[in-house]
Amino acid sequence: MSTTRSLDALRLTKPELAVFVSGVASMGLEILAGRMIAPQFGSSIYTWGSIIGVFLAALSYGYHRGGKLAARQATNDRMARVFLLTAAYVAGLIFLGDLLLRATSGFPLPSRFASLPAITLLFGPPTYLLGYVSPYAAELSAKEGLGEASGHVYALGTIGSIVGAFATTYFLIPSLGVEQIALVFGLLSVGTALVLSRPGIDRDQMVASGFVVVLLVAAVGSGAAGLSVEGRVVYETQTPYQELQVVDLGDTRTLYLDGQRHSAMDKSDPDRHVFDYTRYFHLPLLMNDDVDRVLFIGGGGFTGPKHFAEEYDVTVDVAEIDPEVIDASKEYFDVEESEKLNIYNTGGRQYLQETNETYDLIVLDAYQKDKVPFELTTEEFMRLADSRLSEDGILFANVISAPTGPASKFYRAEYKTMSQVYPQVYSFPTASGSVVQNIEVVATKNESVVTEEQLLARNERRDIGIDLDSEIRNYQRTTRTGDVPVLRDDRAPVDSLLDPMVGQRYVIQQSNESGSSNETAGSLVAPSEPESYALGAQTSQTPLVAAPARKQ
């Protein structure tokens, strides 16, 4: 008897079910919004702040309107219509989402507000509709008194939001794509509408529900309208960290992370450097002639780690935080672990904190244009990396930024931060002008300056399997840093530094080299040579600040 009473107490009434599902759906859509918006606008704090603000505003307006109408119109059937309208809008979101994102990206707004029109248009209406449910449910509640009814509704809605947050984060996103997740919430809304209409579901309600289900399934089956990533998508998934796509265009296979090109491989010539910036990974070999162990923080398509493991007599370790990136690299980018190539599924900073290994070269390749783990940018991180480097060790950072102008703030702050720890810091822009591009920043523990002329001479003498003459000629050793902060764990405003890059074109230079098949793969160890370290050529910017000596 007591068990029966307990089960009855747990059984939700129709209004209670409606509130619970509205919480699940609204929070699930909020997390899904981040995945849909990020490829176009990035996932900075401004994007997430806009998402949270729009959802709260839409829910508040829905609560307000629903509260004014609840006394006259609150019925289970009306709540069922709310869920059907929400599901129908989700179907449109699946079909037209990509097109609407691109259409709203051209609004003349400051970069930090650029995502607001898209978020409002895509997610404001369904969230507003879901806001009607709570006041309707409070009006229909069997609880005695307004206070008890309201508190009960708030509690159920919050519990639903908690379930929606955890279910979307830990189950749906790792298992399904964006369209499939939206389909789940659409079908959940239709199912709830049918339950609310029972037992007296009439023919019109059945037809409406069936029509919305057809819309949802057709939207997913037909794919998104508008433009998509150029090429044939051979694999895509939502990882715990980002959207991942593998795209083939001719013989080139490209890894896209949150809509941005990250790595590429020539399927007909896997040894060729498709993106020019990966050639710069070899520059430290002209600065340190004795490299035995290399750490890459960030794997992506594993272009750099594969080249080092295959061409040099070194041990390569890779710390990659996203397990789906590791799996995709093995499946689609010919990555194989071996005695020379070790892959660890962990964050870069965590790996450095836990490892006892000492490295001659650490390559930091975990930054994206609009998403940078701040914990990998700070002075504390740079000192941690320094502690894991050998006496003549080198830290190489692949920074995506502009070399000058408003969009250069992140690069210049990173340069300034590295200069607090390392006695010499060099940079090598990979494209001309002030466009957003890959800028390779090289920091050395060796206090002697290596000039551009010395690097060119070493490139002629040493056999490292690749000719870096053109890359060396982009040599810079000074940059303006007076107006940017040193990044520290307690204050690293990375999002605000990245903000000027929003909406700007990211230029990745394509390599025209024929690949290592036409080059001799050599050893990292070259004969030592006498050097005279004089201050190298500087850029024409004024005023200029050279990399300061390391602080003790």
Protein backbone atom coordinates (compact mmCIF):
# COMPACT_ATOMS: atom_id res chain seq x y z
CA MET A 1 0.00 0.00 0.00
CA SER A 2 2.78 2.46 0.95
CA THR A 3 4.63 1.61 -2.30
CA THR A 4 1.51 2.44 -4.30
CA ARG A 5 1.21 5.79 -2.54
CA SER A 6 4.87 6.54 -3.25
CA LEU A 7 4.42 5.81 -6.96
CA ASP A 8 1.30 7.97 -7.06
CA ALA A 9 3.23 10.80 -5.44
CA LEU A 10 5.93 10.57 -8.11
CA ARG A 11 3.45 10.48 -11.01
CA LEU A 12 3.28 13.89 -12.71
CA THR A 13 0.03 15.56 -13.61
CA LYS A 14 -0.29 16.96 -17.12
CA PRO A 15 0.59 20.54 -16.09
CA GLU A 16 3.56 19.24 -14.09
CA LEU A 17 4.77 17.20 -17.07
CA ALA A 18 4.44 20.26 -19.31
CA VAL A 19 6.59 22.38 -16.95
CA PHE A 20 9.22 19.66 -16.62
CA VAL A 21 9.51 19.16 -20.40
CA SER A 22 9.63 22.92 -21.04
CA GLY A 23 12.63 23.09 -18.69
CA VAL A 24 14.33 20.19 -20.47
CA ALA A 25 13.70 21.69 -23.91
CA SER A 26 14.66 25.28 -23.08
CA MET A 27 17.96 24.34 -21.47
CA GLY A 28 18.73 21.78 -24.16
CA LEU A 29 18.11 24.36 -26.89
CA GLU A 30 20.32 26.85 -25.02
CA ILE A 31 23.27 24.46 -25.05
CA LEU A 32 22.51 23.51 -28.66
CA ALA A 33 22.54 27.21 -29.57
CA GLY A 34 26.20 27.38 -28.57
CA ARG A 35 27.01 24.58 -31.02
CA MET A 36 25.05 26.16 -33.87
CA ILE A 37 26.31 29.71 -33.34
CA ALA A 38 30.01 28.93 -32.71
CA PRO A 39 31.05 28.00 -36.28
CA GLN A 40 29.87 31.39 -37.57
CA PHE A 41 30.52 33.70 -34.62
CA GLY A 42 32.92 31.82 -32.36
CA SER A 43 32.36 30.62 -28.82
CA SER A 44 33.80 33.53 -26.87
CA ILE A 45 32.35 34.85 -23.63
CA TYR A 46 30.46 37.44 -25.71
CA THR A 47 28.73 34.73 -27.73
CA TRP A 48 27.76 32.76 -24.64
CA GLY A 49 26.72 35.91 -22.80
CA SER A 50 24.46 36.80 -25.74
CA ILE A 51 22.96 33.29 -25.80
CA ILE A 52 22.19 33.36 -22.08
CA GLY A 53 20.80 36.89 -22.29
CA VAL A 54 18.51 36.15 -25.27
CA PHE A 55 17.16 32.97 -23.67
CA LEU A 56 16.45 34.74 -20.38
CA ALA A 57 14.79 37.67 -22.17
CA ALA A 58 12.65 35.37 -24.32
CA LEU A 59 11.60 33.26 -21.34
CA SER A 60 10.80 36.37 -19.30
CA TYR A 61 8.61 37.79 -22.05
CA GLY A 62 6.91 34.41 -22.42
CA TYR A 63 6.28 34.29 -18.65
CA HIS A 64 4.86 37.82 -18.80
CA ARG A 65 2.50 37.18 -21.72
CA GLY A 66 1.51 33.76 -20.45
CA GLY A 67 0.77 35.14 -17.00
CA LYS A 68 -1.56 37.79 -18.39
CA LEU A 69 -3.49 35.19 -20.40
CA ALA A 70 -3.38 32.28 -17.96
CA ALA A 71 -6.53 33.14 -16.00
CA ARG A 72 -8.67 33.12 -19.17
CA GLN A 73 -6.87 30.71 -21.51
CA ALA A 74 -4.89 28.18 -19.46
CA THR A 75 -5.88 24.68 -20.58
CA ASN A 76 -3.97 21.52 -21.36
CA ASP A 77 -4.99 21.84 -25.00
CA ARG A 78 -3.48 25.33 -25.23
CA MET A 79 -0.24 24.08 -23.71
CA ALA A 80 -0.28 21.29 -26.30
CA ARG A 81 -0.49 23.94 -29.05
CA VAL A 82 2.50 25.73 -27.53
CA PHE A 83 4.58 22.56 -27.78
CA LEU A 84 3.43 21.90 -31.37
CA LEU A 85 4.37 25.45 -32.41
CA THR A 86 7.74 25.02 -30.70
CA ALA A 87 8.36 21.76 -32.57
CA ALA A 88 7.36 23.35 -35.89
CA TYR A 89 9.84 26.19 -35.30
CA VAL A 90 12.56 23.67 -34.45
CA ALA A 91 11.89 22.01 -37.83
CA GLY A 92 12.51 25.35 -39.52
CA LEU A 93 15.63 25.75 -37.40
CA ILE A 94 16.98 22.46 -38.72
CA PHE A 95 16.23 23.30 -42.36
CA LEU A 96 17.07 27.01 -42.48
CA GLY A 97 19.48 27.42 -39.56
CA ASP A 98 22.68 27.60 -41.60
CA LEU A 99 21.16 30.00 -44.13
CA LEU A 100 19.83 32.28 -41.39
CA LEU A 101 23.19 32.28 -39.62
CA ARG A 102 24.97 33.46 -42.74
CA ALA A 103 22.25 36.02 -43.53
CA THR A 104 22.48 37.61 -40.09
CA SER A 105 26.25 37.68 -39.99
CA GLY A 106 26.36 40.79 -42.19
CA PHE A 107 24.61 43.16 -39.78
CA PRO A 108 26.80 46.26 -39.13
CA LEU A 109 27.30 45.68 -35.40
CA PRO A 110 30.39 45.83 -33.19
CA SER A 111 32.04 42.43 -33.22
CA ARG A 112 31.12 41.51 -29.66
CA PHE A 113 27.42 42.00 -30.49
CA ALA A 114 27.57 40.36 -33.92
CA SER A 115 25.89 37.12 -32.84
CA LEU A 116 22.85 38.79 -31.23
CA PRO A 117 20.61 38.98 -34.36
CA ALA A 118 21.23 35.32 -35.21
CA ILE A 119 20.59 34.11 -31.66
CA THR A 120 17.44 36.21 -31.37
CA LEU A 121 16.01 35.07 -34.71
CA LEU A 122 16.88 31.40 -34.34
CA PHE A 123 16.17 30.79 -30.68
CA GLY A 124 14.08 33.69 -29.39
CA PRO A 125 10.67 32.50 -30.73
CA PRO A 126 10.74 28.88 -29.49
CA THR A 127 12.07 29.98 -26.09
CA TYR A 128 9.36 32.66 -25.88
CA LEU A 129 6.70 30.01 -26.60
CA LEU A 130 8.07 27.70 -23.91
CA GLY A 131 7.79 30.61 -21.46
CA TYR A 132 3.99 30.35 -21.67
CA VAL A 133 4.02 26.90 -20.07
CA SER A 134 4.96 27.83 -16.49
CA PRO A 135 2.20 30.40 -15.82
CA TYR A 136 -0.35 28.16 -17.55
CA ALA A 137 0.75 25.22 -15.40
CA ALA A 138 0.61 27.33 -12.22
CA GLU A 139 -2.98 28.30 -13.08
CA LEU A 140 -3.90 24.64 -13.65
CA SER A 141 -1.99 23.35 -10.63
CA ALA A 142 -3.86 21.30 -8.04
CA LYS A 143 -1.77 22.86 -5.28
CA GLU A 144 -3.52 25.03 -2.74
CA GLY A 145 -2.58 28.66 -2.74
CA LEU A 146 -0.71 30.81 -5.24
CA GLY A 147 2.59 30.57 -3.39
CA GLU A 148 2.61 26.78 -3.23
CA ALA A 149 1.56 26.47 -6.88
CA SER A 150 4.23 28.92 -8.06
CA GLY A 151 6.97 27.32 -5.98
CA HIS A 152 6.03 23.87 -7.26
CA VAL A 153 6.14 25.06 -10.87
CA TYR A 154 9.51 26.79 -10.40
CA ALA A 155 10.97 23.67 -8.81
CA LEU A 156 9.76 21.34 -11.57
CA GLY A 157 10.94 23.71 -14.29
CA THR A 158 14.38 23.99 -12.69
CA ILE A 159 14.65 20.22 -12.31
CA GLY A 160 13.75 19.89 -15.99
CA SER A 161 16.46 22.41 -16.88
CA ILE A 162 19.00 20.42 -14.87
CA VAL A 163 17.99 17.23 -16.68
CA GLY A 164 18.15 19.04 -20.04
CA ALA A 165 21.60 20.45 -19.27
CA PHE A 166 23.13 17.14 -18.24
CA ALA A 167 21.38 15.06 -20.90
CA THR A 168 22.40 17.41 -23.71
CA THR A 169 25.96 17.83 -22.47
CA TYR A 170 26.82 14.27 -21.54
CA PHE A 171 24.63 12.17 -23.83
CA LEU A 172 23.19 13.99 -26.84
CA ILE A 173 26.15 16.12 -27.95
CA PRO A 174 28.71 13.29 -27.76
CA SER A 175 26.33 10.92 -29.59
CA LEU A 176 24.41 12.97 -32.18
CA GLY A 177 24.85 15.81 -34.64
CA VAL A 178 23.21 19.22 -34.28
CA GLU A 179 20.30 18.34 -36.56
CA GLN A 180 19.63 15.06 -34.78
CA ILE A 181 19.69 16.78 -31.36
CA ALA A 182 17.22 19.39 -32.60
CA LEU A 183 15.05 16.52 -33.89
CA VAL A 184 15.07 14.95 -30.41
CA PHE A 185 13.75 18.15 -28.84
CA GLY A 186 11.20 18.57 -31.63
CA LEU A 187 9.85 15.05 -31.18
CA LEU A 188 9.87 15.49 -27.40
CA SER A 189 7.67 18.56 -27.82
CA VAL A 190 5.27 16.72 -30.15
CA GLY A 191 5.08 13.77 -27.76
CA THR A 192 4.31 16.09 -24.86
CA ALA A 193 1.57 17.77 -26.90
CA LEU A 194 -0.06 14.41 -27.55
CA VAL A 195 0.07 13.45 -23.86
CA LEU A 196 -1.49 16.79 -22.88
CA SER A 197 -4.32 16.26 -25.39
CA ARG A 198 -5.23 12.78 -24.17
CA PRO A 199 -7.68 11.12 -23.93
CA GLY A 200 -9.84 13.29 -26.16
CA ILE A 201 -7.47 13.85 -29.08
CA ASP A 202 -9.56 15.03 -32.05
CA ARG A 203 -8.81 14.63 -35.74
CA ASP A 204 -7.40 18.16 -36.14
CA GLN A 205 -4.91 17.62 -33.33
CA MET A 206 -3.76 14.32 -34.80
CA VAL A 207 -3.31 15.89 -38.25
CA ALA A 208 -1.40 18.84 -36.80
CA SER A 209 0.87 16.55 -34.77
CA GLY A 210 1.52 14.29 -37.77
CA PHE A 211 2.26 17.30 -39.97
CA VAL A 212 4.84 18.63 -37.50
CA VAL A 213 6.51 15.20 -37.24
CA VAL A 214 6.73 15.06 -41.04
CA LEU A 215 8.28 18.54 -41.05
CA LEU A 216 10.89 17.50 -38.49
CA VAL A 217 11.84 14.27 -40.25
CA ALA A 218 11.90 15.95 -43.67
CA ALA A 219 14.11 18.76 -42.37
CA VAL A 220 16.65 16.29 -41.02
CA GLY A 221 16.44 14.07 -44.10
CA SER A 222 16.92 16.89 -46.59
CA GLY A 223 19.80 18.54 -44.73
CA ALA A 224 20.26 22.23 -44.11
CA ALA A 225 19.41 24.70 -46.84
CA GLY A 226 21.91 27.25 -48.09
CA LEU A 227 25.67 27.02 -48.21
CA SER A 228 27.71 24.35 -46.50
CA VAL A 229 31.39 23.65 -46.16
CA GLU A 230 32.91 23.33 -49.63
CA GLY A 231 33.49 19.72 -50.52
CA ARG A 232 32.04 16.36 -49.57
CA VAL A 233 31.55 15.76 -45.86
CA VAL A 234 32.86 12.25 -45.21
CA TYR A 235 32.44 12.41 -41.43
CA GLU A 236 30.94 14.80 -38.91
CA THR A 237 30.13 14.68 -35.22
CA GLN A 238 29.55 16.81 -32.17
CA THR A 239 32.39 16.17 -29.76
CA PRO A 240 32.40 17.14 -26.08
CA TYR A 241 34.34 20.26 -27.13
CA GLN A 242 33.38 21.27 -30.66
CA GLU A 243 31.80 20.46 -33.99
CA LEU A 244 34.09 18.23 -36.06
CA GLN A 245 33.92 17.66 -39.82
CA VAL A 246 36.18 15.81 -42.23
CA VAL A 247 35.71 17.19 -45.73
CA ASP A 248 37.12 15.96 -49.05
CA LEU A 249 37.64 18.32 -51.98
CA GLY A 250 39.53 16.65 -54.79
CA ASP A 251 42.63 15.05 -53.30
CA THR A 252 42.63 17.35 -50.26
CA ARG A 253 41.11 16.14 -47.01
CA THR A 254 40.48 18.90 -44.46
CA LEU A 255 39.63 18.79 -40.77
CA TYR A 256 37.17 21.49 -39.74
CA LEU A 257 36.70 22.31 -36.04
CA ASP A 258 33.75 24.59 -35.31
CA GLY A 259 33.66 25.54 -38.99
CA GLN A 260 37.32 26.61 -39.16
CA ARG A 261 39.96 24.80 -41.21
CA HIS A 262 42.41 23.23 -38.81
CA SER A 263 44.48 20.63 -40.68
CA ALA A 264 44.66 19.20 -44.18
CA MET A 265 46.19 16.20 -45.93
CA ASP A 266 46.85 15.51 -49.61
CA LYS A 267 45.46 12.00 -50.07
CA SER A 268 47.59 11.44 -53.15
CA ASP A 269 50.76 12.68 -51.39
CA PRO A 270 50.30 12.41 -47.59
CA ASP A 271 53.83 13.73 -46.93
CA ARG A 272 53.09 17.10 -48.55
CA HIS A 273 52.49 20.14 -46.33
CA VAL A 274 49.08 21.38 -47.53
CA PHE A 275 48.95 24.38 -45.19
CA ASP A 276 52.11 26.45 -45.24
CA TYR A 277 52.13 27.16 -41.50
CA THR A 278 52.99 23.51 -40.72
CA ARG A 279 56.34 23.99 -42.53
CA TYR A 280 57.29 26.51 -39.81
CA PHE A 281 57.14 23.73 -37.21
CA HIS A 282 60.60 22.73 -38.44
CA LEU A 283 62.18 26.16 -37.77
CA PRO A 284 63.27 25.33 -34.20
CA LEU A 285 65.53 22.64 -35.65
CA LEU A 286 67.69 25.46 -37.00
CA MET A 287 67.89 26.99 -33.52
CA ASN A 288 68.66 23.84 -31.56
CA ASP A 289 70.83 21.22 -33.24
CA ASP A 290 70.13 18.46 -30.72
CA VAL A 291 66.44 17.56 -30.48
CA ASP A 292 65.56 14.11 -29.20
CA ARG A 293 62.08 14.49 -27.71
CA VAL A 294 59.19 16.68 -28.92
CA LEU A 295 55.81 17.46 -27.37
CA PHE A 296 52.85 18.70 -29.40
CA ILE A 297 50.03 20.26 -27.39
CA GLY A 298 47.02 19.89 -29.67
CA GLY A 299 46.78 17.21 -32.32
CA GLY A 300 44.19 18.18 -34.93
CA GLY A 301 45.05 16.26 -38.08
CA PHE A 302 48.50 15.46 -36.60
CA THR A 303 50.40 16.93 -39.58
CA GLY A 304 53.33 18.06 -37.44
CA PRO A 305 53.58 14.99 -35.21
CA LYS A 306 53.43 12.64 -38.21
CA HIS A 307 56.20 14.49 -40.04
CA PHE A 308 58.49 14.58 -37.01
CA ALA A 309 57.94 10.91 -36.15
CA GLU A 310 58.43 9.74 -39.73
CA GLU A 311 61.32 11.96 -40.80
CA TYR A 312 63.48 12.39 -37.71
CA ASP A 313 65.13 10.24 -35.11
CA VAL A 314 62.98 11.62 -32.29
CA THR A 315 60.25 10.57 -29.90
CA VAL A 316 57.04 12.56 -30.33
CA ASP A 317 54.38 12.89 -27.63
CA VAL A 318 51.01 14.50 -28.35
CA ALA A 319 48.56 15.82 -25.75
CA GLU A 320 45.10 16.14 -27.36
CA ILE A 321 42.13 16.86 -25.11
CA ASP A 322 39.37 15.82 -27.53
CA PRO A 323 39.01 12.03 -27.90
CA GLU A 324 36.96 12.44 -31.09
CA VAL A 325 39.82 14.37 -32.72
CA ILE A 326 42.16 11.49 -31.91
CA ASP A 327 39.74 8.93 -33.35
CA ALA A 328 39.14 10.99 -36.51
CA SER A 329 42.88 11.47 -37.07
CA LYS A 330 43.45 7.72 -36.90
CA GLU A 331 40.50 6.93 -39.15
CA TYR A 332 40.85 9.67 -41.78
CA PHE A 333 44.37 11.15 -41.53
CA ASP A 334 46.60 8.05 -41.45
CA VAL A 335 47.76 8.56 -37.87
CA GLU A 336 49.25 5.49 -36.21
CA GLU A 337 50.75 5.30 -32.75
CA SER A 338 54.17 3.69 -32.55
CA GLU A 339 57.32 3.63 -30.45
CA LYS A 340 58.10 7.08 -31.87
CA LEU A 341 54.60 8.58 -31.69
CA ASN A 342 52.63 8.54 -28.42
CA ILE A 343 49.16 10.10 -28.11
CA TYR A 344 47.68 11.09 -24.76
CA ASN A 345 44.02 12.06 -24.37
CA THR A 346 44.50 14.93 -21.92
CA GLY A 347 44.75 18.69 -21.75
CA GLY A 348 48.12 20.26 -22.48
CA ARG A 349 48.54 21.99 -19.14
CA GLN A 350 47.41 18.92 -17.22
CA TYR A 351 49.90 16.80 -19.16
CA LEU A 352 52.79 19.15 -18.36
CA GLN A 353 51.83 19.17 -14.69
CA GLU A 354 51.82 15.38 -14.49
CA THR A 355 54.69 14.36 -16.76
CA ASN A 356 58.28 13.79 -15.67
CA GLU A 357 59.59 14.01 -19.24
CA THR A 358 61.98 16.72 -20.41
CA TYR A 359 61.51 18.03 -23.93
CA ASP A 360 63.81 19.77 -26.38
CA LEU A 361 60.86 21.27 -28.25
CA ILE A 362 57.26 21.96 -27.20
CA VAL A 363 54.87 22.89 -30.03
CA LEU A 364 51.75 24.68 -28.80
CA ASP A 365 49.14 24.06 -31.50
CA ALA A 366 45.89 24.24 -29.53
CA TYR A 367 44.68 27.73 -30.47
CA GLN A 368 41.82 28.51 -32.84
CA LYS A 369 40.84 31.82 -34.35
CA ASP A 370 38.02 32.47 -31.91
CA LYS A 371 38.46 29.85 -29.23
CA VAL A 372 41.64 29.80 -27.18
CA PRO A 373 42.03 27.93 -23.87
CA PHE A 374 43.15 30.80 -21.66
CA GLU A 375 45.01 28.41 -19.35
CA LEU A 376 47.44 27.75 -22.22
CA THR A 377 48.24 31.45 -22.71
CA THR A 378 49.32 32.71 -19.30
CA GLU A 379 52.67 33.47 -17.74
CA GLU A 380 52.14 30.62 -15.30
CA PHE A 381 51.68 28.20 -18.18
CA MET A 382 54.78 29.54 -19.92
CA ARG A 383 56.80 28.94 -16.75
CA LEU A 384 55.40 25.43 -16.49
CA ALA A 385 56.46 24.74 -20.08
CA ASP A 386 59.87 26.25 -19.34
CA SER A 387 60.30 23.82 -16.43
CA ARG A 388 59.70 20.87 -18.77
CA LEU A 389 62.18 22.06 -21.42
CA SER A 390 65.82 21.06 -21.60
CA GLU A 391 68.60 23.60 -21.10
CA ASP A 392 68.46 24.74 -24.75
CA GLY A 393 64.76 23.91 -25.15
CA ILE A 394 62.35 25.85 -27.38
CA LEU A 395 58.66 26.68 -27.07
CA PHE A 396 56.89 27.13 -30.41
CA ALA A 397 53.37 28.64 -30.43
CA ASN A 398 51.07 28.63 -33.47
CA VAL A 399 49.11 31.83 -32.80
CA ILE A 400 46.15 32.87 -34.96
CA SER A 401 45.94 36.64 -35.04
CA ALA A 402 47.01 39.64 -37.10
CA PRO A 403 50.60 40.93 -36.86
CA THR A 404 49.53 44.58 -36.66
CA GLY A 405 46.36 46.62 -36.34
CA PRO A 406 43.32 46.18 -34.05
CA ALA A 407 43.15 42.41 -34.66
CA SER A 408 46.74 41.94 -33.43
CA LYS A 409 46.02 42.33 -29.71
CA PHE A 410 46.04 38.64 -28.88
CA TYR A 411 49.29 37.99 -30.73
CA ARG A 412 51.01 40.95 -29.11
CA ALA A 413 49.76 40.00 -25.63
CA GLU A 414 51.01 36.45 -26.14
CA TYR A 415 54.38 37.76 -27.37
CA LYS A 416 54.63 39.99 -24.30
CA THR A 417 53.66 37.14 -21.97
CA MET A 418 56.21 34.74 -23.42
CA SER A 419 58.83 37.45 -23.14
CA GLN A 420 58.35 37.51 -19.36
CA VAL A 421 59.69 33.95 -19.17
CA TYR A 422 61.99 33.37 -22.15
CA PRO A 423 65.07 35.52 -22.85
CA GLN A 424 64.53 35.55 -26.62
CA VAL A 425 61.25 35.57 -28.55
CA TYR A 426 60.94 35.58 -32.34
CA SER A 427 57.89 35.69 -34.59
CA PHE A 428 57.23 34.60 -38.16
CA PRO A 429 54.01 35.84 -39.82
CA THR A 430 52.90 33.43 -42.53
CA ALA A 431 50.99 35.88 -44.77
CA SER A 432 51.56 39.44 -45.92
CA GLY A 433 49.71 42.44 -44.56
CA SER A 434 47.64 42.81 -41.41
CA VAL A 435 45.18 40.04 -42.13
CA VAL A 436 44.30 37.40 -39.52
CA GLN A 437 46.73 34.56 -40.12
CA ASN A 438 48.98 32.01 -38.46
CA ILE A 439 51.85 33.75 -36.67
CA GLU A 440 54.54 31.39 -35.44
CA VAL A 441 56.05 32.61 -32.18
CA VAL A 442 59.31 30.93 -31.12
CA ALA A 443 60.68 31.36 -27.59
CA THR A 444 64.12 30.05 -26.64
CA LYS A 445 65.80 29.42 -23.30
CA ASN A 446 69.14 30.22 -24.92
CA GLU A 447 69.94 33.87 -24.18
CA SER A 448 71.94 34.37 -27.39
CA VAL A 449 70.12 36.04 -30.25
CA VAL A 450 69.80 34.09 -33.51
CA THR A 451 69.65 36.48 -36.46
CA GLU A 452 67.83 36.05 -39.75
CA GLU A 453 71.20 35.77 -41.52
CA GLN A 454 72.31 32.98 -39.21
CA LEU A 455 69.09 31.07 -39.80
CA LEU A 456 69.50 31.40 -43.57
CA ALA A 457 73.08 30.16 -43.32
CA ARG A 458 72.05 27.19 -41.19
CA ASN A 459 69.26 26.39 -43.62
CA GLU A 460 71.90 26.13 -46.35
CA ARG A 461 74.27 23.97 -44.30
CA ARG A 462 72.02 21.71 -42.29
CA ASP A 463 69.96 18.86 -43.67
CA ILE A 464 66.60 18.89 -41.90
CA GLY A 465 64.64 17.55 -44.87
CA ILE A 466 62.90 20.79 -45.81
CA ASP A 467 64.00 24.11 -47.33
CA LEU A 468 62.83 26.97 -45.10
CA ASP A 469 64.42 29.88 -46.98
CA SER A 470 61.14 31.72 -47.64
CA GLU A 471 59.82 31.06 -44.13
CA ILE A 472 62.97 32.45 -42.51
CA ARG A 473 62.61 35.69 -44.47
CA ASN A 474 59.45 36.47 -42.45
CA TYR A 475 61.68 36.80 -39.36
CA GLN A 476 60.71 39.41 -36.75
CA ARG A 477 62.19 39.89 -33.29
CA THR A 478 60.33 42.92 -32.00
CA THR A 479 56.72 44.00 -31.75
CA ARG A 480 54.64 46.63 -29.98
CA THR A 481 53.46 45.50 -26.57
CA GLY A 482 52.85 48.69 -24.58
CA ASP A 483 49.05 48.62 -24.94
CA VAL A 484 48.46 44.92 -24.23
CA PRO A 485 48.52 43.06 -20.90
CA VAL A 486 50.69 40.23 -19.66
CA LEU A 487 48.30 37.27 -19.44
CA ARG A 488 48.14 35.66 -16.02
CA ASP A 489 45.97 33.00 -14.43
CA ASP A 490 44.12 35.58 -12.34
CA ARG A 491 43.59 37.91 -15.31
CA ALA A 492 43.72 36.65 -18.86
CA PRO A 493 41.17 38.63 -20.93
CA VAL A 494 41.65 36.38 -23.95
CA ASP A 495 38.08 36.81 -25.22
CA SER A 496 38.36 40.59 -25.34
CA LEU A 497 41.73 40.32 -27.09
CA LEU A 498 40.24 37.97 -29.68
CA ASP A 499 37.14 40.12 -30.13
CA PRO A 500 38.56 42.42 -32.87
CA MET A 501 39.08 39.33 -35.06
CA VAL A 502 35.36 38.45 -35.15
CA GLY A 503 34.07 38.74 -38.70
CA GLN A 504 37.54 39.12 -40.21
CA ARG A 505 38.77 36.71 -42.83
CA TYR A 506 41.26 34.12 -41.63
CA VAL A 507 43.94 33.61 -44.28
CA ILE A 508 45.69 30.23 -44.34
CA GLN A 509 48.52 30.10 -46.84
CA GLN A 510 48.48 26.98 -48.99
CA SER A 511 51.84 25.35 -49.57
CA ASN A 512 53.08 24.72 -53.10
CA GLU A 513 55.95 22.51 -52.09
CA SER A 514 56.03 19.11 -53.66
CA GLY A 515 56.39 17.21 -50.41
CA SER A 516 59.09 15.35 -48.66
CA SER A 517 59.31 12.85 -51.52
CA ASN A 518 61.42 15.44 -53.32
CA GLU A 519 63.36 16.37 -50.21
CA THR A 520 65.82 14.41 -48.21
CA ALA A 521 64.64 13.50 -44.76
CA GLY A 522 67.54 14.18 -42.45
CA SER A 523 68.57 13.87 -38.87
CA LEU A 524 67.91 16.54 -36.30
CA VAL A 525 71.49 16.37 -35.16
CA ALA A 526 73.84 18.63 -37.09
CA PRO A 527 77.49 19.46 -36.42
CA SER A 528 77.98 22.31 -34.04
CA GLU A 529 79.34 25.51 -35.52
CA PRO A 530 80.88 28.70 -34.17
CA GLU A 531 78.34 31.51 -34.02
CA SER A 532 78.58 35.21 -33.43
CA TYR A 533 75.23 36.35 -32.04
CA ALA A 534 74.59 39.94 -33.07
CA LEU A 535 71.23 41.74 -32.95
CA GLY A 536 69.31 40.88 -36.09
CA ALA A 537 67.30 43.05 -38.44
CA GLN A 538 64.23 44.63 -36.92
CA THR A 539 60.89 45.55 -38.42
CA SER A 540 60.05 49.09 -39.39
CA GLN A 541 57.39 49.55 -36.72
CA THR A 542 57.97 52.30 -34.19
CA PRO A 543 58.15 52.46 -31.33
CA LEU A 544 59.45 48.95 -30.96
CA VAL A 545 59.94 46.83 -27.88
CA ALA A 546 62.43 43.99 -28.01
CA ALA A 547 61.81 40.85 -26.02
CA PRO A 548 62.96 41.64 -22.48
CA ALA A 549 65.32 39.44 -20.55
CA ARG A 550 63.75 36.73 -18.46
CA LYS A 551 62.62 37.76 -15.00
CA GLN A 552 64.34 35.90 -12.20
